[in-house]
N, C-alpha and C. Protein backbone atom coordinates (compact mmCIF):
# COMPACT_ATOMS: atom_id res chain seq x y z
N MET A 1 -8.79 190.51 -83.93
CA MET A 1 -9.66 189.37 -84.04
C MET A 1 -11.05 189.67 -84.51
N GLU A 2 -11.43 190.94 -84.37
CA GLU A 2 -12.80 191.34 -84.80
C GLU A 2 -12.55 192.46 -85.83
N SER A 3 -13.37 192.39 -86.89
CA SER A 3 -13.27 193.46 -87.97
C SER A 3 -14.67 193.66 -88.57
N GLU A 4 -14.82 194.73 -89.36
CA GLU A 4 -16.06 194.94 -89.99
C GLU A 4 -16.06 194.43 -91.38
N ASP A 5 -17.22 194.02 -91.86
CA ASP A 5 -17.19 193.38 -93.24
C ASP A 5 -17.64 194.34 -94.34
N GLY A 6 -17.63 195.57 -94.14
CA GLY A 6 -17.98 196.52 -95.24
C GLY A 6 -19.41 196.91 -95.15
N ARG A 7 -20.27 196.12 -94.53
CA ARG A 7 -21.68 196.41 -94.36
C ARG A 7 -22.00 196.90 -92.90
N GLY A 8 -20.92 197.02 -92.08
CA GLY A 8 -21.07 197.52 -90.75
C GLY A 8 -21.27 196.38 -89.71
N PHE A 9 -21.21 195.10 -90.23
CA PHE A 9 -21.36 193.94 -89.26
C PHE A 9 -19.96 193.66 -88.74
N HIS A 10 -19.95 193.20 -87.57
CA HIS A 10 -18.71 192.73 -87.00
C HIS A 10 -18.52 191.28 -87.31
N VAL A 11 -17.35 190.94 -87.70
CA VAL A 11 -17.02 189.59 -88.12
C VAL A 11 -15.90 189.11 -87.25
N LEU A 12 -16.06 187.86 -86.70
CA LEU A 12 -15.03 187.23 -85.91
C LEU A 12 -14.13 186.41 -86.82
N ASN A 13 -12.91 186.60 -86.74
CA ASN A 13 -11.93 185.73 -87.51
C ASN A 13 -11.24 184.87 -86.47
N VAL A 14 -11.89 183.70 -86.24
CA VAL A 14 -11.36 182.80 -85.19
C VAL A 14 -10.33 181.85 -85.87
N ARG A 15 -9.17 181.82 -85.19
CA ARG A 15 -8.15 180.90 -85.58
C ARG A 15 -8.15 179.73 -84.60
N SER A 16 -8.30 178.53 -85.14
CA SER A 16 -8.47 177.35 -84.29
C SER A 16 -7.14 176.67 -83.95
N SER A 17 -6.08 176.94 -84.59
CA SER A 17 -4.88 176.20 -84.31
C SER A 17 -3.68 177.08 -84.62
N ALA A 18 -2.51 176.61 -84.27
CA ALA A 18 -1.27 177.40 -84.44
C ALA A 18 -0.98 177.63 -85.90
N ASP A 19 -1.51 176.68 -86.78
CA ASP A 19 -1.24 176.86 -88.21
C ASP A 19 -2.18 177.81 -88.90
N GLY A 20 -3.07 178.40 -88.10
CA GLY A 20 -4.00 179.49 -88.61
C GLY A 20 -5.24 178.95 -89.24
N GLU A 21 -5.56 177.67 -89.04
CA GLU A 21 -6.75 177.06 -89.64
C GLU A 21 -8.01 177.78 -89.06
N THR A 22 -8.93 178.22 -89.97
CA THR A 22 -10.07 178.97 -89.53
C THR A 22 -11.15 177.88 -89.07
N LEU A 23 -11.81 178.21 -88.00
CA LEU A 23 -12.93 177.42 -87.52
C LEU A 23 -14.02 177.33 -88.52
N SER A 24 -14.35 176.10 -88.93
CA SER A 24 -15.36 175.86 -89.96
C SER A 24 -16.30 174.71 -89.53
N LEU A 25 -17.31 174.55 -90.30
CA LEU A 25 -18.25 173.48 -90.02
C LEU A 25 -17.53 172.12 -90.17
N GLU A 26 -16.63 172.06 -91.09
CA GLU A 26 -15.89 170.76 -91.16
C GLU A 26 -15.00 170.48 -89.96
N ILE A 27 -14.39 171.46 -89.40
CA ILE A 27 -13.57 171.27 -88.23
C ILE A 27 -14.51 170.91 -87.00
N ILE A 28 -15.62 171.68 -86.96
CA ILE A 28 -16.56 171.34 -85.81
C ILE A 28 -17.09 169.91 -85.94
N MET A 29 -17.43 169.52 -87.16
CA MET A 29 -17.94 168.10 -87.37
C MET A 29 -16.79 167.11 -86.99
N ARG A 30 -15.59 167.43 -87.37
CA ARG A 30 -14.50 166.48 -87.06
C ARG A 30 -14.30 166.38 -85.55
N GLU A 31 -14.34 167.47 -84.89
CA GLU A 31 -14.19 167.52 -83.43
C GLU A 31 -15.38 166.79 -82.71
N MET A 32 -16.55 166.97 -83.26
CA MET A 32 -17.66 166.33 -82.65
C MET A 32 -17.68 164.81 -82.86
N GLU A 33 -17.12 164.36 -84.04
CA GLU A 33 -16.90 162.95 -84.26
C GLU A 33 -15.91 162.38 -83.22
N GLU A 34 -14.82 163.07 -82.96
CA GLU A 34 -13.82 162.64 -82.00
C GLU A 34 -14.41 162.61 -80.60
N LEU A 35 -15.26 163.60 -80.27
CA LEU A 35 -15.90 163.69 -79.01
C LEU A 35 -16.87 162.48 -78.85
N LYS A 36 -17.62 162.23 -79.89
CA LYS A 36 -18.55 161.10 -79.90
C LYS A 36 -17.85 159.75 -79.61
N SER A 37 -16.73 159.58 -80.34
CA SER A 37 -15.88 158.43 -80.12
C SER A 37 -15.41 158.25 -78.65
N HIS A 38 -14.95 159.43 -78.08
CA HIS A 38 -14.47 159.42 -76.71
C HIS A 38 -15.61 159.03 -75.82
N LEU A 39 -16.69 159.64 -75.95
CA LEU A 39 -17.89 159.44 -75.04
C LEU A 39 -18.39 157.98 -75.08
N ALA A 40 -18.32 157.41 -76.30
CA ALA A 40 -18.73 156.02 -76.44
C ALA A 40 -17.84 155.09 -75.59
N ARG A 41 -16.58 155.41 -75.42
CA ARG A 41 -15.60 154.60 -74.65
C ARG A 41 -15.87 154.71 -73.19
N ILE A 42 -16.69 155.64 -72.76
CA ILE A 42 -16.96 155.88 -71.34
C ILE A 42 -17.80 154.73 -70.76
N ASN A 43 -18.52 154.04 -71.63
CA ASN A 43 -19.37 152.98 -71.24
C ASN A 43 -20.53 153.31 -70.32
N SER A 44 -21.09 154.51 -70.48
CA SER A 44 -22.30 154.88 -69.79
C SER A 44 -23.46 154.11 -70.45
N PRO A 45 -24.31 153.42 -69.71
CA PRO A 45 -25.37 152.64 -70.38
C PRO A 45 -26.40 153.58 -70.99
N VAL A 46 -26.97 153.13 -72.07
CA VAL A 46 -28.06 153.89 -72.72
C VAL A 46 -29.35 153.47 -72.02
N VAL A 47 -30.07 154.45 -71.54
CA VAL A 47 -31.34 154.17 -70.73
C VAL A 47 -32.35 155.13 -71.23
N LEU A 48 -33.57 154.96 -70.77
CA LEU A 48 -34.68 155.91 -71.05
C LEU A 48 -34.41 157.18 -70.20
N CYS A 49 -34.22 158.31 -70.81
CA CYS A 49 -33.93 159.51 -70.07
C CYS A 49 -34.98 160.58 -70.26
N HIS A 50 -35.08 161.45 -69.37
CA HIS A 50 -35.97 162.55 -69.31
C HIS A 50 -35.42 163.64 -70.41
N ASN A 51 -34.13 163.91 -70.40
CA ASN A 51 -33.45 164.84 -71.29
C ASN A 51 -33.79 166.28 -71.07
N ASP A 52 -34.58 166.60 -70.04
CA ASP A 52 -34.81 168.04 -69.72
C ASP A 52 -35.13 168.22 -68.23
N LEU A 53 -34.26 167.67 -67.38
CA LEU A 53 -34.48 167.62 -65.96
C LEU A 53 -34.12 168.99 -65.25
N LEU A 54 -34.81 170.03 -65.69
CA LEU A 54 -34.71 171.31 -65.02
C LEU A 54 -35.22 171.01 -63.61
N THR A 55 -34.77 171.89 -62.66
CA THR A 55 -35.32 171.65 -61.30
C THR A 55 -36.84 171.92 -61.33
N GLU A 56 -37.33 172.70 -62.27
CA GLU A 56 -38.76 172.99 -62.30
C GLU A 56 -39.54 171.74 -62.80
N ASN A 57 -38.80 170.74 -63.35
CA ASN A 57 -39.52 169.59 -63.85
C ASN A 57 -39.44 168.45 -62.87
N VAL A 58 -38.92 168.71 -61.67
CA VAL A 58 -38.84 167.68 -60.56
C VAL A 58 -39.72 168.25 -59.42
N ILE A 59 -40.73 167.54 -59.05
CA ILE A 59 -41.61 167.93 -58.01
C ILE A 59 -41.64 166.92 -56.91
N TYR A 60 -41.92 167.25 -55.66
CA TYR A 60 -42.00 166.38 -54.63
C TYR A 60 -43.09 166.86 -53.59
N ASN A 61 -43.55 165.88 -52.85
CA ASN A 61 -44.61 166.23 -51.86
C ASN A 61 -44.03 166.16 -50.46
N GLN A 62 -44.85 166.50 -49.44
CA GLN A 62 -44.42 166.58 -48.07
C GLN A 62 -43.88 165.28 -47.56
N GLU A 63 -44.32 164.17 -48.12
CA GLU A 63 -43.88 162.79 -47.76
C GLU A 63 -42.53 162.47 -48.37
N GLY A 64 -41.99 163.29 -49.28
CA GLY A 64 -40.69 163.11 -49.87
C GLY A 64 -40.75 162.31 -51.18
N ALA A 65 -42.02 162.01 -51.70
CA ALA A 65 -42.07 161.32 -53.00
C ALA A 65 -41.81 162.28 -54.06
N VAL A 66 -40.87 161.79 -54.95
CA VAL A 66 -40.39 162.62 -56.15
C VAL A 66 -41.06 162.20 -57.37
N LYS A 67 -41.44 163.14 -58.19
CA LYS A 67 -42.10 162.90 -59.52
C LYS A 67 -41.46 163.83 -60.56
N PHE A 68 -41.38 163.31 -61.76
CA PHE A 68 -40.89 164.12 -62.89
C PHE A 68 -42.04 164.48 -63.75
N ILE A 69 -42.02 165.72 -64.29
CA ILE A 69 -43.03 166.11 -65.27
C ILE A 69 -42.38 166.67 -66.56
N ASP A 70 -43.15 166.91 -67.57
CA ASP A 70 -42.68 167.49 -68.79
C ASP A 70 -41.80 166.60 -69.54
N TYR A 71 -42.32 165.54 -70.17
CA TYR A 71 -41.58 164.46 -70.76
C TYR A 71 -41.40 164.54 -72.26
N GLU A 72 -41.65 165.74 -72.90
CA GLU A 72 -41.65 165.79 -74.37
C GLU A 72 -40.31 165.49 -75.00
N TYR A 73 -39.22 165.63 -74.18
CA TYR A 73 -37.90 165.27 -74.75
C TYR A 73 -37.37 163.90 -74.37
N ALA A 74 -38.22 163.13 -73.67
CA ALA A 74 -37.82 161.81 -73.16
C ALA A 74 -37.40 160.93 -74.35
N ASP A 75 -36.32 160.25 -74.24
CA ASP A 75 -35.89 159.31 -75.27
C ASP A 75 -34.66 158.54 -74.69
N PHE A 76 -34.14 157.61 -75.45
CA PHE A 76 -33.01 156.88 -75.03
C PHE A 76 -31.73 157.76 -75.16
N ASN A 77 -30.91 157.65 -74.16
CA ASN A 77 -29.72 158.50 -74.15
C ASN A 77 -28.77 157.89 -73.18
N TYR A 78 -27.53 158.37 -73.11
CA TYR A 78 -26.59 157.96 -72.12
C TYR A 78 -27.05 158.41 -70.75
N GLN A 79 -27.01 157.43 -69.81
CA GLN A 79 -27.40 157.72 -68.48
C GLN A 79 -26.68 158.93 -67.82
N ALA A 80 -25.33 158.93 -68.07
CA ALA A 80 -24.53 159.90 -67.48
C ALA A 80 -24.86 161.31 -68.15
N TYR A 81 -25.31 161.34 -69.39
CA TYR A 81 -25.59 162.58 -70.01
C TYR A 81 -26.87 163.23 -69.33
N ASP A 82 -27.86 162.48 -69.03
CA ASP A 82 -29.13 163.00 -68.39
C ASP A 82 -28.79 163.54 -66.97
N ILE A 83 -27.95 162.82 -66.26
CA ILE A 83 -27.62 163.23 -64.95
C ILE A 83 -26.72 164.49 -64.96
N GLY A 84 -25.75 164.48 -65.92
CA GLY A 84 -24.87 165.63 -66.04
C GLY A 84 -25.65 166.85 -66.50
N ASN A 85 -26.57 166.70 -67.32
CA ASN A 85 -27.46 167.82 -67.74
C ASN A 85 -28.28 168.36 -66.61
N HIS A 86 -28.81 167.37 -65.80
CA HIS A 86 -29.60 167.77 -64.59
C HIS A 86 -28.76 168.59 -63.64
N PHE A 87 -27.49 168.19 -63.43
CA PHE A 87 -26.58 168.99 -62.53
C PHE A 87 -26.32 170.30 -63.10
N ASN A 88 -26.11 170.42 -64.40
CA ASN A 88 -25.93 171.72 -64.98
C ASN A 88 -27.11 172.67 -64.92
N GLU A 89 -28.27 172.04 -64.93
CA GLU A 89 -29.51 172.88 -64.80
C GLU A 89 -29.60 173.54 -63.47
N PHE A 90 -28.94 173.02 -62.47
CA PHE A 90 -28.97 173.62 -61.07
C PHE A 90 -28.49 175.14 -61.24
N ALA A 91 -27.52 175.34 -62.11
CA ALA A 91 -26.90 176.70 -62.23
C ALA A 91 -27.79 177.66 -63.02
N GLY A 92 -28.91 177.22 -63.54
CA GLY A 92 -29.82 178.05 -64.20
C GLY A 92 -29.62 178.01 -65.71
N ILE A 93 -30.51 178.70 -66.41
CA ILE A 93 -30.47 178.68 -67.88
C ILE A 93 -30.22 180.14 -68.38
N ASP A 94 -31.08 181.03 -68.08
CA ASP A 94 -30.98 182.41 -68.59
C ASP A 94 -29.92 183.23 -67.82
N ASN A 95 -29.95 183.07 -66.51
CA ASN A 95 -29.03 183.79 -65.63
C ASN A 95 -28.18 182.75 -64.93
N VAL A 96 -27.19 182.27 -65.59
CA VAL A 96 -26.38 181.15 -65.02
C VAL A 96 -25.54 181.64 -63.87
N ASP A 97 -25.56 180.86 -62.82
CA ASP A 97 -24.80 181.14 -61.62
C ASP A 97 -24.08 179.88 -61.23
N SER A 98 -22.80 179.73 -61.61
CA SER A 98 -22.07 178.49 -61.47
C SER A 98 -21.92 178.10 -59.94
N SER A 99 -22.16 179.08 -59.08
CA SER A 99 -22.06 178.77 -57.68
C SER A 99 -23.22 177.82 -57.24
N LEU A 100 -24.20 177.73 -58.06
CA LEU A 100 -25.35 176.88 -57.70
C LEU A 100 -25.19 175.41 -58.16
N TYR A 101 -24.13 175.19 -58.96
CA TYR A 101 -23.81 173.87 -59.40
C TYR A 101 -23.62 173.01 -58.21
N PRO A 102 -24.21 171.76 -58.09
CA PRO A 102 -24.11 170.98 -56.87
C PRO A 102 -22.66 170.58 -56.50
N SER A 103 -22.49 170.67 -55.18
CA SER A 103 -21.15 170.35 -54.59
C SER A 103 -20.88 168.86 -54.89
N ASP A 104 -19.61 168.41 -54.72
CA ASP A 104 -19.29 167.06 -54.90
C ASP A 104 -20.06 166.22 -53.90
N GLU A 105 -20.24 166.66 -52.62
CA GLU A 105 -20.92 165.93 -51.67
C GLU A 105 -22.37 165.68 -52.05
N LEU A 106 -23.03 166.73 -52.56
CA LEU A 106 -24.38 166.59 -53.08
C LEU A 106 -24.49 165.64 -54.24
N GLN A 107 -23.57 165.79 -55.10
CA GLN A 107 -23.54 164.90 -56.31
C GLN A 107 -23.36 163.44 -55.86
N PHE A 108 -22.41 163.12 -54.95
CA PHE A 108 -22.30 161.78 -54.50
C PHE A 108 -23.46 161.19 -53.81
N ASP A 109 -24.14 162.03 -52.97
CA ASP A 109 -25.38 161.66 -52.33
C ASP A 109 -26.47 161.34 -53.33
N TRP A 110 -26.64 162.31 -54.28
CA TRP A 110 -27.61 162.14 -55.28
C TRP A 110 -27.47 160.86 -56.15
N LEU A 111 -26.13 160.65 -56.56
CA LEU A 111 -25.80 159.49 -57.35
C LEU A 111 -25.92 158.18 -56.57
N SER A 112 -25.71 158.21 -55.32
CA SER A 112 -25.97 157.01 -54.48
C SER A 112 -27.44 156.62 -54.46
N VAL A 113 -28.24 157.62 -54.23
CA VAL A 113 -29.72 157.33 -54.15
C VAL A 113 -30.21 156.94 -55.56
N TYR A 114 -29.74 157.56 -56.57
CA TYR A 114 -30.11 157.17 -57.96
C TYR A 114 -29.68 155.79 -58.31
N LEU A 115 -28.41 155.36 -57.94
CA LEU A 115 -28.04 154.00 -58.22
C LEU A 115 -28.84 153.02 -57.47
N GLU A 116 -29.15 153.37 -56.21
CA GLU A 116 -29.92 152.36 -55.38
C GLU A 116 -31.29 152.07 -56.05
N SER A 117 -31.94 153.23 -56.47
CA SER A 117 -33.22 153.09 -57.14
C SER A 117 -33.11 152.40 -58.50
N PHE A 118 -32.10 152.82 -59.25
CA PHE A 118 -31.87 152.17 -60.60
C PHE A 118 -31.71 150.64 -60.45
N LYS A 119 -30.85 150.25 -59.50
CA LYS A 119 -30.54 148.84 -59.29
C LYS A 119 -31.73 148.10 -58.75
N ARG A 120 -32.51 148.73 -57.84
CA ARG A 120 -33.72 148.10 -57.33
C ARG A 120 -34.71 147.82 -58.46
N CYS A 121 -34.85 148.72 -59.36
CA CYS A 121 -35.84 148.56 -60.44
C CYS A 121 -35.38 147.61 -61.50
N SER A 122 -34.03 147.55 -61.75
CA SER A 122 -33.52 146.66 -62.84
C SER A 122 -33.06 145.34 -62.36
N THR A 123 -32.65 145.13 -61.11
CA THR A 123 -32.20 143.88 -60.66
C THR A 123 -32.85 143.40 -59.36
N GLY A 124 -33.55 144.24 -58.73
CA GLY A 124 -34.21 143.82 -57.45
C GLY A 124 -33.26 144.03 -56.27
N ASP A 125 -31.96 144.23 -56.46
CA ASP A 125 -31.01 144.41 -55.45
C ASP A 125 -30.56 145.86 -55.44
N SER A 126 -30.65 146.58 -54.35
CA SER A 126 -30.31 147.96 -54.20
C SER A 126 -29.00 148.28 -53.67
N ALA A 127 -28.23 147.29 -53.36
CA ALA A 127 -26.90 147.45 -52.75
C ALA A 127 -26.00 148.17 -53.73
N VAL A 128 -25.34 149.29 -53.29
CA VAL A 128 -24.47 150.07 -54.17
C VAL A 128 -23.12 150.26 -53.48
N THR A 129 -22.10 150.05 -54.26
CA THR A 129 -20.69 150.15 -53.69
C THR A 129 -20.18 151.55 -53.93
N GLN A 130 -19.21 152.03 -53.13
CA GLN A 130 -18.59 153.27 -53.38
C GLN A 130 -17.95 153.37 -54.74
N THR A 131 -17.38 152.16 -55.16
CA THR A 131 -16.78 152.13 -56.48
C THR A 131 -17.76 152.45 -57.62
N GLU A 132 -18.91 151.92 -57.46
CA GLU A 132 -20.02 152.19 -58.49
C GLU A 132 -20.39 153.62 -58.48
N VAL A 133 -20.53 154.25 -57.35
CA VAL A 133 -20.81 155.67 -57.27
C VAL A 133 -19.72 156.51 -57.88
N GLN A 134 -18.48 156.21 -57.54
CA GLN A 134 -17.30 156.90 -58.14
C GLN A 134 -17.20 156.79 -59.61
N GLU A 135 -17.55 155.61 -60.12
CA GLU A 135 -17.51 155.40 -61.66
C GLU A 135 -18.62 156.22 -62.23
N LEU A 136 -19.84 156.21 -61.67
CA LEU A 136 -20.86 157.07 -62.28
C LEU A 136 -20.54 158.54 -62.17
N TYR A 137 -19.95 158.89 -61.06
CA TYR A 137 -19.58 160.33 -60.84
C TYR A 137 -18.63 160.76 -61.96
N GLU A 138 -17.63 159.93 -62.27
CA GLU A 138 -16.68 160.25 -63.28
C GLU A 138 -17.32 160.34 -64.66
N GLN A 139 -18.24 159.45 -64.91
CA GLN A 139 -18.94 159.52 -66.23
C GLN A 139 -19.79 160.79 -66.30
N VAL A 140 -20.52 161.09 -65.24
CA VAL A 140 -21.34 162.21 -65.26
C VAL A 140 -20.50 163.59 -65.48
N CYS A 141 -19.36 163.63 -64.79
CA CYS A 141 -18.46 164.80 -64.98
C CYS A 141 -18.06 164.98 -66.43
N GLN A 142 -17.75 163.88 -67.07
CA GLN A 142 -17.40 163.99 -68.57
C GLN A 142 -18.59 164.39 -69.38
N PHE A 143 -19.70 163.82 -69.12
CA PHE A 143 -20.92 164.19 -69.99
C PHE A 143 -21.42 165.60 -69.57
N SER A 144 -21.26 166.01 -68.40
CA SER A 144 -21.78 167.32 -68.06
C SER A 144 -21.08 168.44 -68.79
N LEU A 145 -19.86 168.16 -69.25
CA LEU A 145 -19.11 169.18 -70.04
C LEU A 145 -19.75 169.36 -71.47
N ILE A 146 -20.43 168.41 -71.95
CA ILE A 146 -20.98 168.56 -73.32
C ILE A 146 -22.47 168.81 -73.40
N CYS A 147 -23.13 168.83 -72.26
CA CYS A 147 -24.60 168.95 -72.28
C CYS A 147 -25.08 170.17 -73.01
N GLN A 148 -24.37 171.31 -73.00
CA GLN A 148 -24.83 172.49 -73.64
C GLN A 148 -24.33 172.56 -75.05
N GLY A 149 -23.51 171.59 -75.52
CA GLY A 149 -22.96 171.56 -76.86
C GLY A 149 -23.93 171.83 -78.01
N PRO A 150 -25.05 171.11 -78.06
CA PRO A 150 -25.99 171.35 -79.19
C PRO A 150 -26.48 172.75 -79.20
N ILE A 151 -26.81 173.33 -77.96
CA ILE A 151 -27.30 174.71 -77.91
C ILE A 151 -26.26 175.67 -78.43
N GLN A 152 -24.99 175.46 -77.93
CA GLN A 152 -23.88 176.37 -78.33
C GLN A 152 -23.64 176.29 -79.81
N LEU A 153 -23.65 175.11 -80.40
CA LEU A 153 -23.43 174.97 -81.80
C LEU A 153 -24.63 175.68 -82.60
N LEU A 154 -25.80 175.65 -82.11
CA LEU A 154 -26.83 176.36 -82.72
C LEU A 154 -26.65 177.84 -82.69
N LEU A 155 -26.14 178.34 -81.51
CA LEU A 155 -25.81 179.78 -81.40
C LEU A 155 -24.77 180.11 -82.40
N LEU A 156 -23.77 179.30 -82.60
CA LEU A 156 -22.75 179.66 -83.56
C LEU A 156 -23.27 179.79 -84.99
N GLU A 157 -24.24 178.79 -85.33
CA GLU A 157 -24.81 178.82 -86.62
C GLU A 157 -25.73 180.02 -86.81
N GLU A 158 -26.50 180.31 -85.80
CA GLU A 158 -27.36 181.54 -85.81
C GLU A 158 -26.57 182.82 -85.96
N ALA A 159 -25.45 182.90 -85.24
CA ALA A 159 -24.64 184.07 -85.32
C ALA A 159 -24.02 184.16 -86.72
N ARG A 160 -23.64 183.07 -87.34
CA ARG A 160 -23.09 183.14 -88.66
C ARG A 160 -24.15 183.50 -89.71
N VAL A 161 -25.34 182.93 -89.57
CA VAL A 161 -26.36 183.13 -90.65
C VAL A 161 -27.13 184.44 -90.44
N LEU A 162 -27.40 184.78 -89.19
CA LEU A 162 -28.26 185.94 -88.88
C LEU A 162 -27.49 187.16 -88.40
N TRP A 163 -26.19 187.04 -88.31
CA TRP A 163 -25.32 188.13 -87.89
C TRP A 163 -25.77 188.61 -86.46
N ILE A 164 -25.92 187.69 -85.61
CA ILE A 164 -26.30 187.97 -84.19
C ILE A 164 -25.09 188.64 -83.61
N ASP A 165 -25.31 189.46 -82.55
CA ASP A 165 -24.20 190.18 -81.96
C ASP A 165 -23.07 189.29 -81.54
N THR A 166 -21.88 189.84 -81.65
CA THR A 166 -20.73 189.05 -81.42
C THR A 166 -20.55 188.55 -79.97
N SER A 167 -21.20 189.19 -78.97
CA SER A 167 -21.07 188.68 -77.61
C SER A 167 -21.69 187.27 -77.49
N MET A 168 -22.86 186.99 -78.13
CA MET A 168 -23.42 185.73 -78.09
C MET A 168 -22.53 184.81 -78.89
N MET A 169 -21.97 185.11 -79.98
CA MET A 169 -21.12 184.22 -80.70
C MET A 169 -19.80 183.98 -79.94
N LEU A 170 -19.28 184.92 -79.20
CA LEU A 170 -18.06 184.72 -78.43
C LEU A 170 -18.46 183.73 -77.28
N GLN A 171 -19.56 183.78 -76.65
CA GLN A 171 -19.99 182.92 -75.59
C GLN A 171 -19.93 181.45 -76.14
N ALA A 172 -20.49 181.26 -77.31
CA ALA A 172 -20.57 179.90 -77.92
C ALA A 172 -19.22 179.44 -78.23
N LEU A 173 -18.37 180.33 -78.80
CA LEU A 173 -17.00 179.93 -79.21
C LEU A 173 -16.21 179.61 -77.96
N CYS A 174 -16.37 180.39 -76.90
CA CYS A 174 -15.61 180.06 -75.66
C CYS A 174 -15.99 178.73 -75.17
N TRP A 175 -17.28 178.39 -75.21
CA TRP A 175 -17.69 177.07 -74.70
C TRP A 175 -17.13 176.00 -75.63
N PHE A 176 -17.11 176.14 -76.95
CA PHE A 176 -16.60 175.21 -77.87
C PHE A 176 -15.15 175.01 -77.66
N CYS A 177 -14.44 176.09 -77.59
CA CYS A 177 -13.02 175.94 -77.48
C CYS A 177 -12.50 175.32 -76.12
N ARG A 178 -13.25 175.58 -75.02
CA ARG A 178 -13.00 174.85 -73.80
C ARG A 178 -13.19 173.40 -73.89
N LEU A 179 -14.23 173.03 -74.58
CA LEU A 179 -14.59 171.64 -74.72
C LEU A 179 -13.69 170.88 -75.69
N CYS A 180 -13.47 171.54 -76.85
CA CYS A 180 -12.72 170.87 -77.92
C CYS A 180 -11.50 171.70 -78.33
N PRO A 181 -10.47 171.79 -77.51
CA PRO A 181 -9.32 172.60 -77.89
C PRO A 181 -8.70 171.98 -79.16
N LEU A 182 -8.51 172.88 -80.17
CA LEU A 182 -8.02 172.46 -81.45
C LEU A 182 -6.58 172.58 -81.58
């Protein structure tokens, strides 16, 4: 699977399907279009999102008031994407520890409070049903799988152009293949 290219660089020869098709930008773009089509069918509303809800960007005081900081990435996005990304951030960025990803119980509690606040601000009624929480949970689970996608695709491109070490490229390829099995 790995070979040298004559200049001493390691080259990954990734086969993306049983017919031996090599992973290429065209294949990635096709897979991303299919993913985009799938995500559009999820029906997560597009809302104003923070898009960088690291735990360090959420602050609270002793009275329990929560505030968000660091809005440079704020823009309209799928509601479930922003929440899924926030949950992913629990596990860390540089030293990822998946055991820190929030439990189902914490996610359901968080989503319940979020929906109550969201509905109170948008309709004036804060009543939330278990069905609404379950629906949002399912949407968030699907979007949380793709939150790191743009970063991993950039890693793939950097590895290709800059000949970055193969461990970084393997990490990105493993993420991509898990998300978009070809």
